[in-house]
Amino acid sequence: MSCQQCHGVWVFAEQSDGRLSSACLELLGKGRELAQSLQTQLSAVLLGSGVKTLAQEPIAYGADQVYLADHPNLAAYQTATFTGVIVQQVIESKPEILLFGATDISRDLAPRVAKRLGAGLTADCTDLVIDPKSKLLHATKPGYGDSMMYTFVCPPQARPQMATVRPGVMKALVKDAARKGEIIDISARAAAHTERVKVVKRVKEAQKGAKLEEARIIVGAGMGVGSAEKFGVIHDLAEALGAEIGTTKDPIDEGWITGDRMIGQTGKTVKPELYIACGISGAIQHISGVWDSGTIVAINTNPNAEIFQIADYGIVGDLHEVLPALIEVINKRRQCV
């Protein structure tokens, strides 16, 4: 979409079971910053069925207005239906910037929207800023295994400027339930879109523990653990600390742990208060996912392991000797409290 009078920053307000995704809340925080730089409004686009009661939530997290499409056709995510509703509203309202979280749904939706609009899309970004001179969006993302950072700018003829952003790299604003904003009902748009497929059944996997992106403490396990059978000490440490377990790519490939626990370039970006890296060498693909952790403790037998370059504290030793001793100390401290 070519546009000489585009204005406004939009965020796709992804929701599930009546809750906005954490990626959406983080993007609203960044969107507020971008909108202030451009002296324009921040809008959220909320699609679903039975989500009217959720429409005030984006406003509480920084939006000035919410485009609400509440319709039975939007009960389950379907690419064609969601794309049609969003594209129609973008053509009518002409936003300058349109942002999506880099979630499973948005990684499917954003490229389809960009194609229909003839817009540029920078995927998997880690930072967004408005250039003070050109007033264009500068979208930064890693490349070459996260060893280099690239900044992309959409050409003037391609609007809106679009990006998907990694969950966990932005910061949500503090919720202000008293904040006022406008809710614009665009539900009628959904009625015009016939569903091409029918969702017969949805099966939701039970969530074990907290989401990695929301965990205060994470115990990271790498190939240095040795085998699936030796993961017991990792679980014991996590239990002692009330932590979640994360991992690198190789243990997943070996079948030692499930893929939803992966942290890094092709996994999740986390920022816990404490990250304990056990038997992790420190490849840049993994480091990119833990860079913003509060405190990083590394345990590795190799004193030259790359992980020690970013660690606040390092222990050179066998994790199967270090962790039992650490767990013992933690349990004794807990008994004294």
Protein backbone atom coordinates (compact mmCIF):
# COMPACT_ATOMS: atom_id res chain seq x y z
CA MET A 1 0.00 0.00 0.00
CA SER A 2 1.51 3.33 -1.10
CA CYS A 3 0.50 6.22 1.11
CA GLN A 4 1.37 9.90 1.46
CA GLN A 5 -0.88 10.50 4.49
CA CYS A 6 -0.33 7.45 6.66
CA HIS A 7 -0.37 8.00 10.41
CA GLY A 8 -0.58 6.01 13.59
CA VAL A 9 1.19 3.02 15.11
CA TRP A 10 -0.78 -0.23 15.23
CA VAL A 11 -0.20 -3.39 17.27
CA PHE A 12 -1.93 -6.69 16.56
CA ALA A 13 -3.46 -7.62 19.92
CA GLU A 14 -3.08 -11.39 19.82
CA GLN A 15 -5.24 -13.14 22.39
CA SER A 16 -6.03 -16.66 23.49
CA ASP A 17 -8.85 -17.78 25.78
CA GLY A 18 -9.64 -14.19 26.70
CA ARG A 19 -6.08 -13.17 27.59
CA LEU A 20 -3.75 -10.91 25.64
CA SER A 21 -0.42 -12.53 24.85
CA SER A 22 2.66 -11.31 26.71
CA ALA A 23 4.15 -10.45 23.31
CA CYS A 24 1.23 -8.08 22.68
CA LEU A 25 1.65 -6.34 26.02
CA GLU A 26 5.37 -5.87 25.36
CA LEU A 27 4.66 -4.46 21.89
CA LEU A 28 2.14 -2.00 23.30
CA GLY A 29 4.91 -0.67 25.54
CA LYS A 30 7.26 -0.24 22.58
CA GLY A 31 4.40 1.05 20.41
CA ARG A 32 3.69 3.78 22.97
CA GLU A 33 7.33 4.89 22.68
CA LEU A 34 7.23 4.89 18.86
CA ALA A 35 3.93 6.77 18.78
CA GLN A 36 5.31 9.45 21.08
CA SER A 37 8.33 9.85 18.82
CA LEU A 38 6.00 10.38 15.84
CA GLN A 39 3.48 12.42 17.85
CA THR A 40 0.69 10.13 16.74
CA GLN A 41 -1.78 7.64 18.19
CA LEU A 42 -1.17 4.06 19.26
CA SER A 43 -3.89 1.63 18.23
CA ALA A 44 -4.47 -2.07 18.92
CA VAL A 45 -6.29 -4.45 16.57
CA LEU A 46 -8.22 -7.07 18.56
CA LEU A 47 -9.88 -9.99 16.75
CA GLY A 48 -11.85 -12.87 18.23
CA SER A 49 -15.25 -14.11 19.34
CA GLY A 50 -16.60 -13.03 22.72
CA VAL A 51 -13.70 -10.63 23.28
CA LYS A 52 -15.60 -7.37 23.87
CA THR A 53 -14.79 -7.57 27.57
CA LEU A 54 -11.09 -7.65 26.64
CA ALA A 55 -11.20 -4.45 24.58
CA GLN A 56 -10.26 -2.17 27.48
CA GLU A 57 -7.11 -4.19 28.24
CA PRO A 58 -4.91 -2.78 25.42
CA ILE A 59 -5.90 0.72 26.50
CA ALA A 60 -4.78 -0.04 30.05
CA TYR A 61 -1.40 -1.01 28.61
CA GLY A 62 -0.88 2.11 26.52
CA ALA A 63 -3.19 2.11 23.48
CA ASP A 64 -5.20 5.21 22.59
CA GLN A 65 -7.79 3.23 20.65
CA VAL A 66 -8.76 -0.35 19.89
CA TYR A 67 -10.16 -1.66 16.61
CA LEU A 68 -12.43 -4.45 17.83
CA ALA A 69 -13.68 -7.26 15.58
CA ASP A 70 -15.85 -9.58 17.69
CA HIS A 71 -17.56 -12.16 15.49
CA PRO A 72 -18.18 -15.95 15.40
CA ASN A 73 -16.06 -16.16 12.21
CA LEU A 74 -13.08 -15.16 14.37
CA ALA A 75 -13.56 -17.75 17.13
CA ALA A 76 -10.54 -19.74 15.96
CA TYR A 77 -7.52 -18.32 14.18
CA GLN A 78 -7.67 -18.79 10.42
CA THR A 79 -5.15 -17.09 8.18
CA ALA A 80 -7.48 -15.97 5.39
CA THR A 81 -10.20 -14.58 7.68
CA PHE A 82 -7.87 -12.66 9.98
CA THR A 83 -5.88 -11.36 7.02
CA GLY A 84 -9.01 -10.09 5.29
CA VAL A 85 -10.27 -8.19 8.33
CA ILE A 86 -6.92 -6.57 9.08
CA VAL A 87 -6.12 -5.67 5.46
CA GLN A 88 -9.50 -4.00 4.94
CA GLN A 89 -9.07 -1.87 8.05
CA VAL A 90 -5.47 -0.95 7.16
CA ILE A 91 -6.54 0.21 3.69
CA GLU A 92 -9.27 2.36 5.22
CA SER A 93 -7.35 3.81 8.17
CA LYS A 94 -3.82 3.94 6.68
CA PRO A 95 -1.50 3.34 9.67
CA GLU A 96 2.15 4.26 9.32
CA ILE A 97 3.43 1.27 11.32
CA LEU A 98 1.93 -2.18 11.96
CA LEU A 99 3.58 -4.49 14.51
CA PHE A 100 3.13 -8.16 15.41
CA GLY A 101 4.73 -10.35 18.08
CA ALA A 102 6.87 -13.11 16.57
CA THR A 103 4.53 -15.84 17.85
CA ASP A 104 3.38 -18.91 15.95
CA ILE A 105 0.16 -17.18 14.86
CA SER A 106 1.71 -13.85 13.93
CA ARG A 107 4.58 -15.46 12.03
CA ASP A 108 1.86 -16.92 9.82
CA LEU A 109 -0.36 -13.83 9.72
CA ALA A 110 2.09 -10.94 9.30
CA PRO A 111 3.66 -12.13 5.99
CA ARG A 112 0.20 -12.69 4.48
CA VAL A 113 -0.92 -9.20 5.50
CA ALA A 114 2.31 -7.68 4.14
CA LYS A 115 1.90 -9.47 0.80
CA ARG A 116 -1.70 -8.30 0.39
CA LEU A 117 -0.72 -4.71 1.17
CA GLY A 118 2.52 -4.70 -0.84
CA ALA A 119 4.31 -3.65 2.34
CA GLY A 120 7.78 -4.41 3.64
CA LEU A 121 8.12 -6.72 6.63
CA THR A 122 11.16 -7.16 8.88
CA ALA A 123 10.81 -10.40 10.83
CA ASP A 124 12.08 -11.48 14.25
CA CYS A 125 13.27 -8.04 15.37
CA THR A 126 14.99 -7.31 18.66
CA ASP A 127 14.74 -3.51 18.60
CA LEU A 128 12.60 -0.80 17.00
CA VAL A 129 13.35 2.93 16.94
CA ILE A 130 12.19 5.99 15.02
CA ASP A 131 15.04 7.74 13.21
CA PRO A 132 14.94 11.37 14.42
CA LYS A 133 15.78 12.81 10.97
CA SER A 134 13.78 10.70 8.53
CA LYS A 135 11.02 9.73 11.00
CA LEU A 136 11.18 6.22 9.53
CA LEU A 137 11.06 3.01 11.51
CA HIS A 138 14.46 1.39 11.96
CA ALA A 139 13.98 -2.32 12.69
CA THR A 140 16.97 -4.23 14.03
CA LYS A 141 17.36 -8.01 13.89
CA PRO A 142 20.22 -10.50 14.23
CA GLY A 143 21.69 -12.42 11.34
CA TYR A 144 24.39 -14.98 10.56
CA GLY A 145 23.65 -17.01 13.65
CA ASP A 146 23.16 -13.86 15.74
CA SER A 147 26.81 -12.92 15.18
CA MET A 148 25.82 -9.67 13.43
CA MET A 149 23.02 -7.15 13.83
CA TYR A 150 21.21 -5.60 10.86
CA THR A 151 18.93 -2.58 10.68
CA PHE A 152 16.21 -2.48 8.04
CA VAL A 153 14.20 0.45 6.71
CA CYS A 154 11.10 0.13 4.52
CA PRO A 155 11.13 2.19 1.31
CA PRO A 156 8.81 5.25 1.32
CA GLN A 157 6.45 3.70 -1.23
CA ALA A 158 5.74 0.62 0.93
CA ARG A 159 3.27 1.26 3.74
CA PRO A 160 2.61 0.41 6.46
CA GLN A 161 6.09 -0.25 7.80
CA MET A 162 5.75 -3.73 9.30
CA ALA A 163 7.75 -5.85 11.73
CA THR A 164 7.43 -8.91 13.92
CA VAL A 165 9.24 -8.72 17.25
CA ARG A 166 10.66 -11.49 19.39
CA PRO A 167 8.70 -12.06 22.59
CA GLY A 168 10.67 -11.19 25.68
CA VAL A 169 12.83 -8.38 24.25
CA MET A 170 10.48 -5.45 24.89
CA LYS A 171 9.04 -4.22 28.17
CA ALA A 172 5.33 -3.85 28.89
CA LEU A 173 4.06 -0.72 30.60
CA VAL A 174 2.55 -0.89 34.06
CA LYS A 175 -1.16 -1.56 33.70
CA ASP A 176 -3.35 1.51 34.31
CA ALA A 177 -6.97 0.34 34.53
CA ALA A 178 -8.17 3.95 34.79
CA ARG A 179 -6.66 4.92 31.43
CA LYS A 180 -9.21 6.11 28.87
CA GLY A 181 -9.32 5.32 25.17
CA GLU A 182 -11.63 4.78 22.21
CA ILE A 183 -13.03 1.42 21.13
CA ILE A 184 -13.96 1.25 17.43
CA ASP A 185 -16.21 -1.67 16.48
CA ILE A 186 -15.23 -3.24 13.14
CA SER A 187 -17.02 -6.53 13.78
CA ALA A 188 -19.07 -6.23 10.59
CA ARG A 189 -15.91 -6.71 8.53
CA ALA A 190 -15.62 -10.32 9.69
CA ALA A 191 -19.07 -11.23 8.37
CA ALA A 192 -17.91 -10.70 4.79
CA HIS A 193 -15.21 -13.36 5.07
CA THR A 194 -16.29 -16.93 4.46
CA GLU A 195 -14.25 -19.52 6.27
CA ARG A 196 -12.35 -21.75 3.85
CA VAL A 197 -11.72 -24.46 6.42
CA LYS A 198 -13.60 -25.66 9.47
CA VAL A 199 -11.93 -26.13 12.83
CA VAL A 200 -13.22 -29.47 14.05
CA LYS A 201 -11.35 -29.70 17.32
CA ARG A 202 -8.74 -27.85 19.33
CA VAL A 203 -6.39 -29.77 21.61
CA LYS A 204 -4.43 -27.66 24.05
CA GLU A 205 -1.33 -29.16 25.61
CA ALA A 206 -1.25 -28.82 29.37
CA GLN A 207 1.22 -26.17 30.51
CA LYS A 208 3.82 -27.53 32.88
CA GLY A 209 5.00 -24.77 35.17
CA ALA A 210 5.38 -21.13 34.18
CA LYS A 211 6.20 -19.95 30.69
CA LEU A 212 9.92 -19.55 30.17
CA GLU A 213 9.42 -15.94 29.08
CA GLU A 214 7.81 -15.17 32.45
CA ALA A 215 10.10 -17.19 34.73
CA ARG A 216 12.08 -15.37 37.44
CA ILE A 217 14.72 -18.12 37.64
CA ILE A 218 15.81 -20.48 34.86
CA VAL A 219 18.20 -23.42 35.01
CA GLY A 220 19.70 -23.90 31.55
CA ALA A 221 20.92 -27.35 30.53
CA GLY A 222 23.32 -28.03 27.65
CA MET A 223 25.09 -31.04 26.17
CA GLY A 224 27.40 -31.05 29.18
CA VAL A 225 24.61 -32.74 31.16
CA GLY A 226 25.62 -35.92 29.34
CA SER A 227 22.35 -37.77 28.70
CA ALA A 228 18.62 -37.78 29.34
CA GLU A 229 19.17 -40.05 32.34
CA LYS A 230 21.47 -37.48 33.92
CA PHE A 231 18.91 -34.69 33.77
CA GLY A 232 17.75 -35.58 37.28
CA VAL A 233 20.18 -33.15 38.90
CA ILE A 234 18.87 -30.35 36.67
CA HIS A 235 15.32 -31.06 37.81
CA ASP A 236 16.47 -31.21 41.43
CA LEU A 237 18.12 -27.77 41.20
CA ALA A 238 15.08 -26.29 39.48
CA GLU A 239 12.83 -27.68 42.21
CA ALA A 240 15.06 -26.34 44.97
CA LEU A 241 15.03 -22.86 43.42
CA GLY A 242 11.43 -22.82 42.20
CA ALA A 243 12.87 -22.41 38.72
CA GLU A 244 11.97 -23.40 35.16
CA ILE A 245 14.25 -25.46 32.93
CA GLY A 246 15.57 -24.17 29.61
CA THR A 247 17.92 -25.74 27.12
CA THR A 248 19.96 -25.38 23.96
CA LYS A 249 19.24 -27.01 20.61
CA ASP A 250 21.37 -30.14 20.87
CA PRO A 251 19.69 -31.75 23.93
CA ILE A 252 16.37 -31.34 22.11
CA ASP A 253 17.76 -32.97 18.98
CA GLU A 254 18.99 -35.84 21.16
CA GLY A 255 15.52 -36.27 22.65
CA TRP A 256 16.63 -35.45 26.18
CA ILE A 257 14.05 -32.65 26.65
CA THR A 258 11.07 -31.23 24.78
CA GLY A 259 11.38 -28.49 22.16
CA ASP A 260 9.24 -25.96 24.04
CA ARG A 261 12.16 -25.50 26.44
CA MET A 262 14.61 -24.15 23.85
CA ILE A 263 16.19 -20.75 24.41
CA GLY A 264 18.03 -18.84 21.70
CA GLN A 265 17.86 -17.67 18.13
CA THR A 266 15.28 -20.21 16.98
CA GLY A 267 13.78 -20.63 20.45
CA LYS A 268 12.63 -18.24 23.14
CA THR A 269 14.14 -15.02 24.40
CA VAL A 270 14.14 -14.82 28.19
CA LYS A 271 15.19 -12.31 30.82
CA PRO A 272 14.96 -13.96 34.24
CA GLU A 273 16.39 -12.42 37.36
CA LEU A 274 18.75 -15.43 37.58
CA TYR A 275 19.97 -17.73 34.82
CA ILE A 276 22.16 -20.74 35.71
CA ALA A 277 23.85 -22.23 32.64
CA CYS A 278 24.81 -25.84 33.30
CA GLY A 279 27.05 -27.56 30.78
CA ILE A 280 26.34 -24.89 28.13
CA SER A 281 29.25 -23.90 25.91
CA GLY A 282 27.89 -20.46 25.03
CA ALA A 283 27.26 -20.54 21.29
CA ILE A 284 25.94 -17.20 20.06
CA GLN A 285 22.69 -18.86 18.95
CA HIS A 286 21.90 -19.56 22.60
CA ILE A 287 23.46 -16.45 24.12
CA SER A 288 21.15 -14.23 22.07
CA GLY A 289 18.22 -15.63 24.05
CA VAL A 290 19.59 -14.94 27.55
CA TRP A 291 21.51 -11.71 26.99
CA ASP A 292 19.18 -9.56 29.12
CA SER A 293 19.11 -11.89 32.15
CA GLY A 294 19.65 -10.14 35.47
CA THR A 295 22.44 -12.39 36.78
CA ILE A 296 24.09 -15.23 34.84
CA VAL A 297 25.92 -18.06 36.58
CA ALA A 298 27.87 -20.48 34.38
CA ILE A 299 29.05 -23.98 35.30
CA ASN A 300 31.35 -25.71 32.80
CA THR A 301 34.38 -27.99 32.83
CA ASN A 302 36.02 -25.95 30.06
CA PRO A 303 37.60 -22.77 31.48
CA ASN A 304 37.65 -21.29 27.97
CA ALA A 305 33.95 -21.85 27.26
CA GLU A 306 32.32 -18.82 25.63
CA ILE A 307 29.58 -18.80 28.27
CA PHE A 308 32.06 -17.38 30.79
CA GLN A 309 32.40 -14.25 28.63
CA ILE A 310 28.88 -13.13 29.56
CA ALA A 311 28.59 -14.74 33.00
CA ASP A 312 28.50 -12.64 36.15
CA TYR A 313 29.78 -15.65 38.09
CA GLY A 314 31.60 -18.70 36.73
CA ILE A 315 32.38 -22.11 38.19
CA VAL A 316 34.88 -24.32 36.40
CA GLY A 317 33.88 -27.84 37.34
CA ASP A 318 31.73 -30.88 36.67
CA LEU A 319 28.07 -29.91 37.02
CA HIS A 320 27.32 -33.37 38.45
CA GLU A 321 29.62 -32.54 41.35
CA VAL A 322 28.79 -28.84 41.67
CA LEU A 323 24.99 -29.03 41.51
CA PRO A 324 24.44 -31.60 44.29
CA ALA A 325 26.59 -29.44 46.60
CA LEU A 326 24.67 -26.33 45.54
CA ILE A 327 21.31 -28.04 46.08
CA GLU A 328 22.40 -29.12 49.55
CA VAL A 329 23.29 -25.54 50.49
CA ILE A 330 20.00 -24.20 49.09
CA ASN A 331 17.93 -26.77 50.99
CA LYS A 332 19.74 -26.01 54.24
CA ARG A 333 19.12 -22.28 53.78
CA ARG A 334 15.43 -22.95 53.14
CA GLN A 335 15.16 -24.99 56.34
CA CYS A 336 16.58 -22.09 58.33
CA VAL A 337 14.04 -19.58 57.02
